[in-house]
């Protein structure tokens, strides 16, 4: 893997503006959206998390989004589930894998960590649901 890192870094720079796909959310991906009794208990937390992951950005922004997911799930009364979800997104949300739920999934793969340009931020604003950003 180490010998491929320079290639990934070279390919994984910020994408040019105009390449962002419209926002999509799969809820909590392959994790339940709530409990058996309250089937969508933390679904809104996952949708906000998806909005952050769709647009991508820096490593710190990803960490902030993941911690906000944990806090949101805890706030609806499930702190243990929030910790499990935090562990899952920290392991599975890396931008290095071509998954549908990776960090920056709205942009073409590969796209690694990095700040969005002003043009890209405007594109995010235009394509985000209700023109809202996380």
C-alpha atoms as a PDB file:
ATOM      1  CA  UNK A   1       0.000   0.000   0.000  1.00  0.00           C
ATOM      2  CA  UNK A   2       2.842   2.408   0.806  1.00  0.00           C
ATOM      3  CA  UNK A   3       4.156   2.274  -2.744  1.00  0.00           C
ATOM      4  CA  UNK A   4       0.715   3.333  -4.073  1.00  0.00           C
ATOM      5  CA  UNK A   5       0.245   6.234  -1.663  1.00  0.00           C
ATOM      6  CA  UNK A   6       1.993   8.828  -3.889  1.00  0.00           C
ATOM      7  CA  UNK A   7      -0.245   7.805  -6.790  1.00  0.00           C
ATOM      8  CA  UNK A   8      -3.378   8.052  -4.631  1.00  0.00           C
ATOM      9  CA  UNK A   9      -2.305  11.449  -3.366  1.00  0.00           C
ATOM     10  CA  UNK A  10      -1.671  12.674  -6.901  1.00  0.00           C
ATOM     11  CA  UNK A  11      -5.027  11.394  -8.134  1.00  0.00           C
ATOM     12  CA  UNK A  12      -6.952  12.340  -5.039  1.00  0.00           C
ATOM     13  CA  UNK A  13      -6.666  16.100  -5.078  1.00  0.00           C
ATOM     14  CA  UNK A  14      -9.736  18.297  -5.056  1.00  0.00           C
ATOM     15  CA  UNK A  15     -12.084  17.725  -7.949  1.00  0.00           C
ATOM     16  CA  UNK A  16     -12.847  20.546 -10.303  1.00  0.00           C
ATOM     17  CA  UNK A  17     -16.059  22.465  -9.811  1.00  0.00           C
ATOM     18  CA  UNK A  18     -18.989  21.248 -11.831  1.00  0.00           C
ATOM     19  CA  UNK A  19     -18.429  17.607 -10.942  1.00  0.00           C
ATOM     20  CA  UNK A  20     -20.530  17.370  -7.779  1.00  0.00           C
ATOM     21  CA  UNK A  21     -23.458  14.959  -8.063  1.00  0.00           C
ATOM     22  CA  UNK A  22     -26.814  15.958  -6.544  1.00  0.00           C
ATOM     23  CA  UNK A  23     -27.204  15.094  -2.869  1.00  0.00           C
ATOM     24  CA  UNK A  24     -28.429  11.607  -2.039  1.00  0.00           C
ATOM     25  CA  UNK A  25     -28.845   9.903   1.313  1.00  0.00           C
ATOM     26  CA  UNK A  26     -29.247   6.227   2.073  1.00  0.00           C
ATOM     27  CA  UNK A  27     -30.175   6.963   5.668  1.00  0.00           C
ATOM     28  CA  UNK A  28     -27.892   5.082   8.003  1.00  0.00           C
ATOM     29  CA  UNK A  29     -26.346   3.052   5.149  1.00  0.00           C
ATOM     30  CA  UNK A  30     -26.186  -0.586   6.238  1.00  0.00           C
ATOM     31  CA  UNK A  31     -27.049   0.239   9.862  1.00  0.00           C
ATOM     32  CA  UNK A  32     -30.651   0.389  11.192  1.00  0.00           C
ATOM     33  CA  UNK A  33     -32.327   3.820  11.090  1.00  0.00           C
ATOM     34  CA  UNK A  34     -33.743   3.286  14.581  1.00  0.00           C
ATOM     35  CA  UNK A  35     -34.910   0.713  17.094  1.00  0.00           C
ATOM     36  CA  UNK A  36     -37.535  -1.980  16.437  1.00  0.00           C
ATOM     37  CA  UNK A  37     -40.040   0.148  18.389  1.00  0.00           C
ATOM     38  CA  UNK A  38     -38.992   3.488  16.820  1.00  0.00           C
ATOM     39  CA  UNK A  39     -37.823   2.555  13.342  1.00  0.00           C
ATOM     40  CA  UNK A  40     -36.552   6.037  12.375  1.00  0.00           C
ATOM     41  CA  UNK A  41     -35.319   7.249  15.769  1.00  0.00           C
ATOM     42  CA  UNK A  42     -31.908   8.486  14.602  1.00  0.00           C
ATOM     43  CA  UNK A  43     -32.547   8.699  10.840  1.00  0.00           C
ATOM     44  CA  UNK A  44     -32.373  12.514  10.848  1.00  0.00           C
ATOM     45  CA  UNK A  45     -28.917  12.235  12.466  1.00  0.00           C
ATOM     46  CA  UNK A  46     -27.764  10.014   9.609  1.00  0.00           C
ATOM     47  CA  UNK A  47     -29.155  12.341   6.969  1.00  0.00           C
ATOM     48  CA  UNK A  48     -27.245  15.299   8.434  1.00  0.00           C
ATOM     49  CA  UNK A  49     -24.147  13.080   8.541  1.00  0.00           C
ATOM     50  CA  UNK A  50     -24.703  12.095   4.900  1.00  0.00           C
ATOM     51  CA  UNK A  51     -24.874  15.761   3.919  1.00  0.00           C
ATOM     52  CA  UNK A  52     -21.436  16.340   5.431  1.00  0.00           C
ATOM     53  CA  UNK A  53     -20.022  13.180   3.807  1.00  0.00           C
ATOM     54  CA  UNK A  54     -21.524  14.048   0.416  1.00  0.00           C
ATOM     55  CA  UNK A  55     -19.709  17.377   0.270  1.00  0.00           C
ATOM     56  CA  UNK A  56     -16.439  16.166   1.809  1.00  0.00           C
ATOM     57  CA  UNK A  57     -13.672  18.492   2.922  1.00  0.00           C
ATOM     58  CA  UNK A  58     -10.858  18.266   5.414  1.00  0.00           C
ATOM     59  CA  UNK A  59      -9.986  15.488   7.853  1.00  0.00           C
ATOM     60  CA  UNK A  60     -11.112  17.734  10.725  1.00  0.00           C
ATOM     61  CA  UNK A  61     -14.489  18.316   9.052  1.00  0.00           C
ATOM     62  CA  UNK A  62     -14.965  14.554   8.783  1.00  0.00           C
ATOM     63  CA  UNK A  63     -14.044  14.060  12.434  1.00  0.00           C
ATOM     64  CA  UNK A  64     -16.463  16.839  13.415  1.00  0.00           C
ATOM     65  CA  UNK A  65     -19.253  15.235  11.338  1.00  0.00           C
ATOM     66  CA  UNK A  66     -18.623  11.835  12.920  1.00  0.00           C
ATOM     67  CA  UNK A  67     -18.628  13.268  16.447  1.00  0.00           C
ATOM     68  CA  UNK A  68     -21.825  15.190  15.659  1.00  0.00           C
ATOM     69  CA  UNK A  69     -23.450  11.919  14.545  1.00  0.00           C
ATOM     70  CA  UNK A  70     -22.529  10.291  17.852  1.00  0.00           C
ATOM     71  CA  UNK A  71     -23.846  13.288  19.816  1.00  0.00           C
ATOM     72  CA  UNK A  72     -27.090  13.388  17.822  1.00  0.00           C
ATOM     73  CA  UNK A  73     -27.795   9.698  18.398  1.00  0.00           C
ATOM     74  CA  UNK A  74     -26.987  10.121  22.092  1.00  0.00           C
ATOM     75  CA  UNK A  75     -29.392  13.076  22.251  1.00  0.00           C
ATOM     76  CA  UNK A  76     -32.283  10.900  21.047  1.00  0.00           C
ATOM     77  CA  UNK A  77     -31.539   8.586  23.973  1.00  0.00           C
ATOM     78  CA  UNK A  78     -29.128   6.028  22.537  1.00  0.00           C
ATOM     79  CA  UNK A  79     -25.569   6.924  23.620  1.00  0.00           C
ATOM     80  CA  UNK A  80     -24.299   3.336  23.287  1.00  0.00           C
ATOM     81  CA  UNK A  81     -25.636   3.121  19.716  1.00  0.00           C
ATOM     82  CA  UNK A  82     -23.951   6.462  19.008  1.00  0.00           C
ATOM     83  CA  UNK A  83     -20.591   4.999  20.045  1.00  0.00           C
ATOM     84  CA  UNK A  84     -21.104   1.952  17.837  1.00  0.00           C
ATOM     85  CA  UNK A  85     -22.010   4.194  14.918  1.00  0.00           C
ATOM     86  CA  UNK A  86     -18.959   6.382  15.553  1.00  0.00           C
ATOM     87  CA  UNK A  87     -16.695   3.332  15.385  1.00  0.00           C
ATOM     88  CA  UNK A  88     -18.364   2.220  12.141  1.00  0.00           C
ATOM     89  CA  UNK A  89     -18.083   5.544  10.336  1.00  0.00           C
ATOM     90  CA  UNK A  90     -14.498   6.082  11.474  1.00  0.00           C
ATOM     91  CA  UNK A  91     -13.516   2.711   9.984  1.00  0.00           C
ATOM     92  CA  UNK A  92     -15.791   2.582   6.946  1.00  0.00           C
ATOM     93  CA  UNK A  93     -16.051   6.217   5.841  1.00  0.00           C
ATOM     94  CA  UNK A  94     -12.504   6.694   4.609  1.00  0.00           C
ATOM     95  CA  UNK A  95     -12.153   8.510   1.283  1.00  0.00           C
ATOM     96  CA  UNK A  96      -9.621   5.867   0.177  1.00  0.00           C
ATOM     97  CA  UNK A  97     -12.302   3.272  -0.608  1.00  0.00           C
ATOM     98  CA  UNK A  98     -14.676   3.600  -3.585  1.00  0.00           C
ATOM     99  CA  UNK A  99     -17.795   3.040  -1.483  1.00  0.00           C
ATOM    100  CA  UNK A 100     -21.158   4.776  -1.853  1.00  0.00           C
ATOM    101  CA  UNK A 101     -20.781   6.176   1.683  1.00  0.00           C
ATOM    102  CA  UNK A 102     -17.164   7.362   1.665  1.00  0.00           C
ATOM    103  CA  UNK A 103     -16.091  10.875   2.712  1.00  0.00           C
ATOM    104  CA  UNK A 104     -16.745  13.154  -0.271  1.00  0.00           C
ATOM    105  CA  UNK A 105     -19.011  10.668  -2.077  1.00  0.00           C
ATOM    106  CA  UNK A 106     -20.677  13.463  -4.060  1.00  0.00           C
ATOM    107  CA  UNK A 107     -17.431  14.028  -5.964  1.00  0.00           C
ATOM    108  CA  UNK A 108     -15.807  11.618  -8.420  1.00  0.00           C
ATOM    109  CA  UNK A 109     -13.543   8.979  -6.869  1.00  0.00           C
ATOM    110  CA  UNK A 110     -10.821   9.362  -5.794  1.00  0.00           C
ATOM    111  CA  UNK A 111     -11.054  12.522  -3.763  1.00  0.00           C
ATOM    112  CA  UNK A 112      -9.043  12.725  -0.579  1.00  0.00           C
ATOM    113  CA  UNK A 113      -9.183  15.209   2.293  1.00  0.00           C
ATOM    114  CA  UNK A 114      -8.831  18.878   1.492  1.00  0.00           C
ATOM    115  CA  UNK A 115     -10.677  22.156   1.807  1.00  0.00           C
ATOM    116  CA  UNK A 116     -13.289  22.994  -0.788  1.00  0.00           C
ATOM    117  CA  UNK A 117     -12.533  25.900  -3.062  1.00  0.00           C
ATOM    118  CA  UNK A 118     -14.903  28.867  -3.099  1.00  0.00           C
ATOM    119  CA  UNK A 119     -16.341  27.624  -6.390  1.00  0.00           C
ATOM    120  CA  UNK A 120     -16.903  24.156  -4.902  1.00  0.00           C
ATOM    121  CA  UNK A 121     -18.563  25.645  -1.797  1.00  0.00           C
ATOM    122  CA  UNK A 122     -20.955  27.519  -4.079  1.00  0.00           C
ATOM    123  CA  UNK A 123     -21.705  24.289  -5.921  1.00  0.00           C
ATOM    124  CA  UNK A 124     -22.416  22.531  -2.611  1.00  0.00           C
ATOM    125  CA  UNK A 125     -24.705  25.361  -1.595  1.00  0.00           C
ATOM    126  CA  UNK A 126     -26.595  25.162  -4.891  1.00  0.00           C
ATOM    127  CA  UNK A 127     -27.032  21.378  -4.793  1.00  0.00           C
ATOM    128  CA  UNK A 128     -27.644  20.841  -1.065  1.00  0.00           C
ATOM    129  CA  UNK A 129     -31.230  20.145  -0.015  1.00  0.00           C
ATOM    130  CA  UNK A 130     -33.024  23.429   0.698  1.00  0.00           C
ATOM    131  CA  UNK A 131     -29.671  25.106   0.008  1.00  0.00           C
ATOM    132  CA  UNK A 132     -28.562  24.139   3.515  1.00  0.00           C
ATOM    133  CA  UNK A 133     -25.116  22.886   4.434  1.00  0.00           C
ATOM    134  CA  UNK A 134     -24.281  20.882   7.548  1.00  0.00           C
END
